[in-house]
Structures are given as C-alpha cells and as structure tokens.
Amino acid sequence: RFYQYDYETAKLDHHGCQGVYFDADINYM
C-alpha cells in the first residue's frame, strides 16, 4: 500500500492523515 503522504512529506504535520492511497503488487527475484 502506497499513501499520498509518504516519506518525502513525513516530517510535515498532516494531523495523522496519510492521504489517499493505492495498492499494487511488487514481484522480486
């Protein structure tokens, strides 16, 4: 799951809100 407020804006105060998000597969070998 990838949220709108990711590590780049983690230091900003979003009042506990992580924003909209999308879900996606990652296949690793």
Full PDB file with SEQRES, HELIX, SHEET, SSBOND, CRYST1, ORIGX, SCALE, CONECT and MASTER records, all heavy atoms in Angstrom:
SEQRES   1 A   29  ARG PHE TYR GLN TYR ASP TYR GLU THR ALA LYS LEU ASP          
SEQRES   2 A   29  HIS HIS GLY CYS GLN GLY VAL TYR PHE ASP ALA ASP ILE          
SEQRES   3 A   29  ASN TYR MET                                                  
HELIX    1 AA1 TYR A    7  THR A    9  5                                   3    
CRYST1    1.000    1.000    1.000  90.00  90.00  90.00 P 1           1          
ORIGX1      1.000000  0.000000  0.000000        0.00000                         
ORIGX2      0.000000  1.000000  0.000000        0.00000                         
ORIGX3      0.000000  0.000000  1.000000        0.00000                         
SCALE1      1.000000  0.000000  0.000000        0.00000                         
SCALE2      0.000000  1.000000  0.000000        0.00000                         
SCALE3      0.000000  0.000000  1.000000        0.00000                         
ATOM      1  N   ARG A   1       0.849  -1.195   0.000  1.00  0.00           N  
ATOM      2  CA  ARG A   1       0.000   0.000   0.000  1.00  0.00           C  
ATOM      3  C   ARG A   1       0.882   1.241   0.000  1.00  0.00           C  
ATOM      4  O   ARG A   1       1.819   1.357   0.787  1.00  0.00           O  
ATOM      5  CB  ARG A   1      -0.926  -0.018   1.214  1.00  0.00           C  
ATOM      6  CG  ARG A   1      -1.818   1.206   1.345  1.00  0.00           C  
ATOM      7  CD  ARG A   1      -3.021   0.901   2.224  1.00  0.00           C  
ATOM      8  NE  ARG A   1      -3.917  -0.038   1.541  1.00  0.00           N  
ATOM      9  CZ  ARG A   1      -5.056  -0.484   2.067  1.00  0.00           C  
ATOM     10  NH1 ARG A   1      -5.421  -0.098   3.286  1.00  0.00           N  
ATOM     11  NH2 ARG A   1      -5.819  -1.318   1.393  1.00  0.00           N  
ATOM     12  N   PHE A   2       0.569   2.180  -0.872  1.00  0.00           N  
ATOM     13  CA  PHE A   2       1.342   3.416  -1.009  1.00  0.00           C  
ATOM     14  C   PHE A   2       0.421   4.605  -0.724  1.00  0.00           C  
ATOM     15  O   PHE A   2      -0.571   4.818  -1.426  1.00  0.00           O  
ATOM     16  CB  PHE A   2       1.922   3.526  -2.419  1.00  0.00           C  
ATOM     17  CG  PHE A   2       2.824   2.375  -2.795  1.00  0.00           C  
ATOM     18  CD1 PHE A   2       2.305   1.219  -3.363  1.00  0.00           C  
ATOM     19  CD2 PHE A   2       4.188   2.447  -2.573  1.00  0.00           C  
ATOM     20  CE1 PHE A   2       3.117   0.159  -3.711  1.00  0.00           C  
ATOM     21  CE2 PHE A   2       5.018   1.388  -2.916  1.00  0.00           C  
ATOM     22  CZ  PHE A   2       4.484   0.239  -3.484  1.00  0.00           C  
ATOM     23  N   TYR A   3       0.780   5.378   0.299  1.00  0.00           N  
ATOM     24  CA  TYR A   3      -0.040   6.510   0.711  1.00  0.00           C  
ATOM     25  C   TYR A   3       0.431   7.810   0.063  1.00  0.00           C  
ATOM     26  O   TYR A   3       1.587   7.958  -0.322  1.00  0.00           O  
ATOM     27  CB  TYR A   3      -0.009   6.662   2.226  1.00  0.00           C  
ATOM     28  CG  TYR A   3      -0.828   5.622   2.956  1.00  0.00           C  
ATOM     29  CD1 TYR A   3      -0.226   4.472   3.462  1.00  0.00           C  
ATOM     30  CD2 TYR A   3      -2.189   5.792   3.134  1.00  0.00           C  
ATOM     31  CE1 TYR A   3      -0.971   3.514   4.130  1.00  0.00           C  
ATOM     32  CE2 TYR A   3      -2.946   4.840   3.806  1.00  0.00           C  
ATOM     33  CZ  TYR A   3      -2.332   3.710   4.295  1.00  0.00           C  
ATOM     34  OH  TYR A   3      -3.071   2.763   4.955  1.00  0.00           O  
ATOM     35  N   GLN A   4      -0.490   8.766   0.011  1.00  0.00           N  
ATOM     36  CA  GLN A   4      -0.181  10.082  -0.560  1.00  0.00           C  
ATOM     37  C   GLN A   4       0.926  10.771   0.227  1.00  0.00           C  
ATOM     38  O   GLN A   4       1.836  11.357  -0.334  1.00  0.00           O  
ATOM     39  CB  GLN A   4      -1.450  10.949  -0.538  1.00  0.00           C  
ATOM     40  CG  GLN A   4      -1.254  12.360  -1.055  1.00  0.00           C  
ATOM     41  CD  GLN A   4      -2.532  13.180  -0.957  1.00  0.00           C  
ATOM     42  OE1 GLN A   4      -3.507  12.750  -0.328  1.00  0.00           O  
ATOM     43  NE2 GLN A   4      -2.548  14.332  -1.561  1.00  0.00           N  
ATOM     44  N   TYR A   5       0.853  10.682   1.541  1.00  0.00           N  
ATOM     45  CA  TYR A   5       1.863  11.337   2.369  1.00  0.00           C  
ATOM     46  C   TYR A   5       2.909  10.297   2.738  1.00  0.00           C  
ATOM     47  O   TYR A   5       2.817   9.615   3.754  1.00  0.00           O  
ATOM     48  CB  TYR A   5       1.220  11.943   3.620  1.00  0.00           C  
ATOM     49  CG  TYR A   5       0.119  12.924   3.294  1.00  0.00           C  
ATOM     50  CD1 TYR A   5      -1.113  12.835   3.908  1.00  0.00           C  
ATOM     51  CD2 TYR A   5       0.326  13.923   2.347  1.00  0.00           C  
ATOM     52  CE1 TYR A   5      -2.126  13.737   3.603  1.00  0.00           C  
ATOM     53  CE2 TYR A   5      -0.671  14.819   2.022  1.00  0.00           C  
ATOM     54  CZ  TYR A   5      -1.901  14.725   2.656  1.00  0.00           C  
ATOM     55  OH  TYR A   5      -2.895  15.616   2.339  1.00  0.00           O  
ATOM     56  N   ASP A   6       3.895  10.185   1.889  1.00  0.00           N  
ATOM     57  CA  ASP A   6       4.921   9.159   2.051  1.00  0.00           C  
ATOM     58  C   ASP A   6       6.113   9.730   2.807  1.00  0.00           C  
ATOM     59  O   ASP A   6       6.008  10.733   3.506  1.00  0.00           O  
ATOM     60  CB  ASP A   6       5.329   8.589   0.694  1.00  0.00           C  
ATOM     61  CG  ASP A   6       5.829   9.680  -0.256  1.00  0.00           C  
ATOM     62  OD1 ASP A   6       6.072  10.809   0.220  1.00  0.00           O  
ATOM     63  OD2 ASP A   6       5.967   9.402  -1.459  1.00  0.00           O  
ATOM     64  N   TYR A   7       7.277   9.085   2.637  1.00  0.00           N  
ATOM     65  CA  TYR A   7       8.452   9.502   3.392  1.00  0.00           C  
ATOM     66  C   TYR A   7       8.905  10.922   3.050  1.00  0.00           C  
ATOM     67  O   TYR A   7       9.502  11.611   3.869  1.00  0.00           O  
ATOM     68  CB  TYR A   7       9.598   8.515   3.140  1.00  0.00           C  
ATOM     69  CG  TYR A   7       9.303   7.123   3.610  1.00  0.00           C  
ATOM     70  CD1 TYR A   7       8.997   6.113   2.702  1.00  0.00           C  
ATOM     71  CD2 TYR A   7       9.293   6.818   4.961  1.00  0.00           C  
ATOM     72  CE1 TYR A   7       8.697   4.830   3.140  1.00  0.00           C  
ATOM     73  CE2 TYR A   7       9.003   5.532   5.409  1.00  0.00           C  
ATOM     74  CZ  TYR A   7       8.703   4.555   4.491  1.00  0.00           C  
ATOM     75  OH  TYR A   7       8.421   3.286   4.925  1.00  0.00           O  
ATOM     76  N   GLU A   8       8.621  11.387   1.837  1.00  0.00           N  
ATOM     77  CA  GLU A   8       9.080  12.719   1.438  1.00  0.00           C  
ATOM     78  C   GLU A   8       8.385  13.818   2.224  1.00  0.00           C  
ATOM     79  O   GLU A   8       8.927  14.892   2.408  1.00  0.00           O  
ATOM     80  CB  GLU A   8       8.835  12.913  -0.062  1.00  0.00           C  
ATOM     81  CG  GLU A   8       9.677  11.994  -0.928  1.00  0.00           C  
ATOM     82  CD  GLU A   8       9.416  12.213  -2.398  1.00  0.00           C  
ATOM     83  OE1 GLU A   8       8.592  13.086  -2.709  1.00  0.00           O  
ATOM     84  OE2 GLU A   8      10.024  11.517  -3.217  1.00  0.00           O  
ATOM     85  N   THR A   9       7.161  13.567   2.665  1.00  0.00           N  
ATOM     86  CA  THR A   9       6.424  14.592   3.415  1.00  0.00           C  
ATOM     87  C   THR A   9       6.137  14.137   4.842  1.00  0.00           C  
ATOM     88  O   THR A   9       5.285  14.710   5.514  1.00  0.00           O  
ATOM     89  CB  THR A   9       5.093  14.918   2.707  1.00  0.00           C  
ATOM     90  OG1 THR A   9       4.285  13.728   2.654  1.00  0.00           O  
ATOM     91  CG2 THR A   9       5.330  15.427   1.307  1.00  0.00           C  
ATOM     92  N   ALA A  10       6.844  13.111   5.304  1.00  0.00           N  
ATOM     93  CA  ALA A  10       6.577  12.560   6.625  1.00  0.00           C  
ATOM     94  C   ALA A  10       6.854  13.564   7.746  1.00  0.00           C  
ATOM     95  O   ALA A  10       6.255  13.485   8.810  1.00  0.00           O  
ATOM     96  CB  ALA A  10       7.414  11.296   6.836  1.00  0.00           C  
ATOM     97  N   LYS A  11       7.765  14.513   7.499  1.00  0.00           N  
ATOM     98  CA  LYS A  11       8.120  15.483   8.531  1.00  0.00           C  
ATOM     99  C   LYS A  11       7.074  16.598   8.655  1.00  0.00           C  
ATOM    100  O   LYS A  11       7.101  17.370   9.607  1.00  0.00           O  
ATOM    101  CB  LYS A  11       9.494  16.089   8.226  1.00  0.00           C  
ATOM    102  CG  LYS A  11      10.633  15.070   8.322  1.00  0.00           C  
ATOM    103  CD  LYS A  11      11.971  15.729   8.055  1.00  0.00           C  
ATOM    104  CE  LYS A  11      13.100  14.715   8.158  1.00  0.00           C  
ATOM    105  NZ  LYS A  11      14.428  15.328   7.898  1.00  0.00           N  
ATOM    106  N   LEU A  12       6.175  16.696   7.678  1.00  0.00           N  
ATOM    107  CA  LEU A  12       5.134  17.712   7.732  1.00  0.00           C  
ATOM    108  C   LEU A  12       3.974  17.220   8.582  1.00  0.00           C  
ATOM    109  O   LEU A  12       3.748  16.021   8.731  1.00  0.00           O  
ATOM    110  CB  LEU A  12       4.645  18.046   6.324  1.00  0.00           C  
ATOM    111  CG  LEU A  12       5.703  18.559   5.347  1.00  0.00           C  
ATOM    112  CD1 LEU A  12       5.074  18.821   3.980  1.00  0.00           C  
ATOM    113  CD2 LEU A  12       6.351  19.835   5.881  1.00  0.00           C  
ATOM    114  N   ASP A  13       3.230  18.146   9.158  1.00  0.00           N  
ATOM    115  CA  ASP A  13       2.113  17.800  10.016  1.00  0.00           C  
ATOM    116  C   ASP A  13       0.851  17.617   9.179  1.00  0.00           C  
ATOM    117  O   ASP A  13       0.262  18.584   8.701  1.00  0.00           O  
ATOM    118  CB  ASP A  13       1.897  18.903  11.063  1.00  0.00           C  
ATOM    119  CG  ASP A  13       0.796  18.531  12.049  1.00  0.00           C  
ATOM    120  OD1 ASP A  13       0.330  17.375  11.999  1.00  0.00           O  
ATOM    121  OD2 ASP A  13       0.423  19.396  12.868  1.00  0.00           O  
ATOM    122  N   HIS A  14       0.451  16.360   9.001  1.00  0.00           N  
ATOM    123  CA  HIS A  14      -0.785  16.064   8.273  1.00  0.00           C  
ATOM    124  C   HIS A  14      -1.914  15.666   9.221  1.00  0.00           C  
ATOM    125  O   HIS A  14      -2.885  15.038   8.818  1.00  0.00           O  
ATOM    126  CB  HIS A  14      -0.534  14.939   7.257  1.00  0.00           C  
ATOM    127  CG  HIS A  14       0.464  15.286   6.211  1.00  0.00           C  
ATOM    128  ND1 HIS A  14       0.268  16.270   5.271  1.00  0.00           N  
ATOM    129  CD2 HIS A  14       1.700  14.778   5.952  1.00  0.00           C  
ATOM    130  CE1 HIS A  14       1.327  16.348   4.470  1.00  0.00           C  
ATOM    131  NE2 HIS A  14       2.209  15.471   4.878  1.00  0.00           N  
ATOM    132  N   HIS A  15      -1.740  16.013  10.516  1.00  0.00           N  
ATOM    133  CA  HIS A  15      -2.763  15.772  11.535  1.00  0.00           C  
ATOM    134  C   HIS A  15      -3.139  14.285  11.596  1.00  0.00           C  
ATOM    135  O   HIS A  15      -4.303  13.933  11.814  1.00  0.00           O  
ATOM    136  CB  HIS A  15      -4.016  16.618  11.264  1.00  0.00           C  
ATOM    137  CG  HIS A  15      -3.734  18.069  11.072  1.00  0.00           C  
ATOM    138  ND1 HIS A  15      -3.386  18.912  12.116  1.00  0.00           N  
ATOM    139  CD2 HIS A  15      -3.699  18.826   9.942  1.00  0.00           C  
ATOM    140  CE1 HIS A  15      -3.178  20.140  11.654  1.00  0.00           C  
ATOM    141  NE2 HIS A  15      -3.351  20.111  10.336  1.00  0.00           N  
ATOM    142  N   GLY A  16      -2.146  13.408  11.394  1.00  0.00           N  
ATOM    143  CA  GLY A  16      -2.393  11.983  11.466  1.00  0.00           C  
ATOM    144  C   GLY A  16      -3.020  11.380  10.225  1.00  0.00           C  
ATOM    145  O   GLY A  16      -3.276  10.179  10.182  1.00  0.00           O  
ATOM    146  N   CYS A  17      -3.257  12.198   9.206  1.00  0.00           N  
ATOM    147  CA  CYS A  17      -3.877  11.710   7.979  1.00  0.00           C  
ATOM    148  C   CYS A  17      -2.794  11.246   6.999  1.00  0.00           C  
ATOM    149  O   CYS A  17      -1.823  11.961   6.751  1.00  0.00           O  
ATOM    150  CB  CYS A  17      -4.715  12.809   7.333  1.00  0.00           C  
ATOM    151  SG  CYS A  17      -5.538  12.299   5.815  1.00  0.00           S  
ATOM    152  N   GLN A  18      -2.952  10.058   6.440  1.00  0.00           N  
ATOM    153  CA  GLN A  18      -1.977   9.542   5.474  1.00  0.00           C  
ATOM    154  C   GLN A  18      -2.373   9.828   4.025  1.00  0.00           C  
ATOM    155  O   GLN A  18      -1.625   9.540   3.109  1.00  0.00           O  
ATOM    156  CB  GLN A  18      -1.820   8.026   5.666  1.00  0.00           C  
ATOM    157  CG  GLN A  18      -1.176   7.653   6.988  1.00  0.00           C  
ATOM    158  CD  GLN A  18      -1.068   6.155   7.167  1.00  0.00           C  
ATOM    159  OE1 GLN A  18      -2.056   5.478   7.431  1.00  0.00           O  
ATOM    160  NE2 GLN A  18       0.132   5.631   7.019  1.00  0.00           N  
ATOM    161  N   GLY A  19      -3.541  10.394   3.816  1.00  0.00           N  
ATOM    162  CA  GLY A  19      -3.966  10.757   2.472  1.00  0.00           C  
ATOM    163  C   GLY A  19      -4.500   9.580   1.689  1.00  0.00           C  
ATOM    164  O   GLY A  19      -4.587   8.456   2.185  1.00  0.00           O  
ATOM    165  N   VAL A  20      -4.857   9.832   0.430  1.00  0.00           N  
ATOM    166  CA  VAL A  20      -5.358   8.762  -0.424  1.00  0.00           C  
ATOM    167  C   VAL A  20      -4.232   7.764  -0.693  1.00  0.00           C  
ATOM    168  O   VAL A  20      -3.057   8.065  -0.483  1.00  0.00           O  
ATOM    169  CB  VAL A  20      -5.911   9.325  -1.748  1.00  0.00           C  
ATOM    170  CG1 VAL A  20      -7.085  10.262  -1.485  1.00  0.00           C  
ATOM    171  CG2 VAL A  20      -4.831  10.048  -2.530  1.00  0.00           C  
ATOM    172  N   TYR A  21      -4.575   6.575  -1.186  1.00  0.00           N  
ATOM    173  CA  TYR A  21      -3.566   5.538  -1.359  1.00  0.00           C  
ATOM    174  C   TYR A  21      -3.925   4.651  -2.538  1.00  0.00           C  
ATOM    175  O   TYR A  21      -5.062   4.641  -3.022  1.00  0.00           O  
ATOM    176  CB  TYR A  21      -3.436   4.695  -0.092  1.00  0.00           C  
ATOM    177  CG  TYR A  21      -4.688   3.943   0.290  1.00  0.00           C  
ATOM    178  CD1 TYR A  21      -4.941   2.661  -0.193  1.00  0.00           C  
ATOM    179  CD2 TYR A  21      -5.634   4.519   1.144  1.00  0.00           C  
ATOM    180  CE1 TYR A  21      -6.086   1.976   0.150  1.00  0.00           C  
ATOM    181  CE2 TYR A  21      -6.787   3.836   1.496  1.00  0.00           C  
ATOM    182  CZ  TYR A  21      -7.014   2.564   1.001  1.00  0.00           C  
ATOM    183  OH  TYR A  21      -8.151   1.884   1.341  1.00  0.00           O  
ATOM    184  N   PHE A  22      -2.923   3.899  -3.006  1.00  0.00           N  
ATOM    185  CA  PHE A  22      -3.168   2.855  -3.992  1.00  0.00           C  
ATOM    186  C   PHE A  22      -2.447   1.589  -3.563  1.00  0.00           C  
ATOM    187  O   PHE A  22      -1.450   1.640  -2.830  1.00  0.00           O  
ATOM    188  CB  PHE A  22      -2.733   3.286  -5.400  1.00  0.00           C  
ATOM    189  CG  PHE A  22      -1.248   3.457  -5.587  1.00  0.00           C  
ATOM    190  CD1 PHE A  22      -0.457   2.423  -6.073  1.00  0.00           C  
ATOM    191  CD2 PHE A  22      -0.628   4.671  -5.306  1.00  0.00           C  
ATOM    192  CE1 PHE A  22       0.903   2.579  -6.260  1.00  0.00           C  
ATOM    193  CE2 PHE A  22       0.734   4.839  -5.490  1.00  0.00           C  
ATOM    194  CZ  PHE A  22       1.504   3.797  -5.976  1.00  0.00           C  
ATOM    195  N   ASP A  23      -2.952   0.447  -3.982  1.00  0.00           N  
ATOM    196  CA  ASP A  23      -2.367  -0.855  -3.684  1.00  0.00           C  
ATOM    197  C   ASP A  23      -1.799  -1.455  -4.962  1.00  0.00           C  
ATOM    198  O   ASP A  23      -2.407  -1.339  -6.031  1.00  0.00           O  
ATOM    199  CB  ASP A  23      -3.410  -1.806  -3.102  1.00  0.00           C  
ATOM    200  CG  ASP A  23      -3.907  -1.357  -1.739  1.00  0.00           C  
ATOM    201  OD1 ASP A  23      -3.133  -0.690  -1.028  1.00  0.00           O  
ATOM    202  OD2 ASP A  23      -5.057  -1.667  -1.391  1.00  0.00           O  
ATOM    203  N   ALA A  24      -0.648  -2.107  -4.865  1.00  0.00           N  
ATOM    204  CA  ALA A  24      -0.016  -2.665  -6.069  1.00  0.00           C  
ATOM    205  C   ALA A  24       0.925  -3.803  -5.702  1.00  0.00           C  
ATOM    206  O   ALA A  24       1.552  -3.797  -4.643  1.00  0.00           O  
ATOM    207  CB  ALA A  24       0.757  -1.583  -6.817  1.00  0.00           C  
ATOM    208  N   ASP A  25       1.027  -4.774  -6.599  1.00  0.00           N  
ATOM    209  CA  ASP A  25       1.985  -5.867  -6.470  1.00  0.00           C  
ATOM    210  C   ASP A  25       3.394  -5.392  -6.785  1.00  0.00           C  
ATOM    211  O   ASP A  25       3.606  -4.551  -7.670  1.00  0.00           O  
ATOM    212  CB  ASP A  25       1.659  -6.992  -7.462  1.00  0.00           C  
ATOM    213  CG  ASP A  25       0.558  -7.907  -6.962  1.00  0.00           C  
ATOM    214  OD1 ASP A  25       0.211  -7.839  -5.766  1.00  0.00           O  
ATOM    215  OD2 ASP A  25       0.032  -8.700  -7.770  1.00  0.00           O  
ATOM    216  N   ILE A  26       4.365  -5.956  -6.094  1.00  0.00           N  
ATOM    217  CA  ILE A  26       5.779  -5.875  -6.459  1.00  0.00           C  
ATOM    218  C   ILE A  26       6.312  -7.302  -6.430  1.00  0.00           C  
ATOM    219  O   ILE A  26       6.226  -7.980  -5.407  1.00  0.00           O  
ATOM    220  CB  ILE A  26       6.576  -4.988  -5.491  1.00  0.00           C  
ATOM    221  CG1 ILE A  26       6.113  -3.542  -5.575  1.00  0.00           C  
ATOM    222  CG2 ILE A  26       8.072  -5.095  -5.781  1.00  0.00           C  
ATOM    223  CD1 ILE A  26       6.829  -2.620  -4.604  1.00  0.00           C  
ATOM    224  N   ASN A  27       6.841  -7.776  -7.571  1.00  0.00           N  
ATOM    225  CA  ASN A  27       7.375  -9.128  -7.646  1.00  0.00           C  
ATOM    226  C   ASN A  27       8.894  -9.040  -7.705  1.00  0.00           C  
ATOM    227  O   ASN A  27       9.456  -8.379  -8.577  1.00  0.00           O  
ATOM    228  CB  ASN A  27       6.834  -9.863  -8.877  1.00  0.00           C  
ATOM    229  CG  ASN A  27       7.267 -11.318  -8.918  1.00  0.00           C  
ATOM    230  OD1 ASN A  27       8.255 -11.659  -9.556  1.00  0.00           O  
ATOM    231  ND2 ASN A  27       6.540 -12.175  -8.224  1.00  0.00           N  
ATOM    232  N   TYR A  28       9.563  -9.695  -6.776  1.00  0.00           N  
ATOM    233  CA  TYR A  28      11.015  -9.571  -6.635  1.00  0.00           C  
ATOM    234  C   TYR A  28      11.673 -10.945  -6.725  1.00  0.00           C  
ATOM    235  O   TYR A  28      11.178 -11.915  -6.155  1.00  0.00           O  
ATOM    236  CB  TYR A  28      11.349  -8.934  -5.285  1.00  0.00           C  
ATOM    237  CG  TYR A  28      12.809  -8.949  -4.927  1.00  0.00           C  
ATOM    238  CD1 TYR A  28      13.689  -8.030  -5.496  1.00  0.00           C  
ATOM    239  CD2 TYR A  28      13.321  -9.875  -4.020  1.00  0.00           C  
ATOM    240  CE1 TYR A  28      15.031  -8.041  -5.173  1.00  0.00           C  
ATOM    241  CE2 TYR A  28      14.660  -9.892  -3.691  1.00  0.00           C  
ATOM    242  CZ  TYR A  28      15.517  -8.975  -4.273  1.00  0.00           C  
ATOM    243  OH  TYR A  28      16.852  -8.988  -3.947  1.00  0.00           O  
ATOM    244  N   MET A  29      12.788 -11.023  -7.464  1.00  0.00           N  
ATOM    245  CA  MET A  29      13.556 -12.253  -7.586  1.00  0.00           C  
ATOM    246  C   MET A  29      15.035 -11.922  -7.510  1.00  0.00           C  
ATOM    247  O   MET A  29      15.499 -10.983  -8.139  1.00  0.00           O  
ATOM    248  CB  MET A  29      13.241 -12.961  -8.906  1.00  0.00           C  
ATOM    249  CG  MET A  29      13.762 -14.395  -9.011  1.00  0.00           C  
ATOM    250  SD  MET A  29      15.504 -14.574  -9.452  1.00  0.00           S  
ATOM    251  CE  MET A  29      15.642 -13.654 -10.961  1.00  0.00           C  
TER     252      MET A  29                                                      
MASTER        0    0    0    1    0    0    0    6  251    1    0    3          
END                                                                             
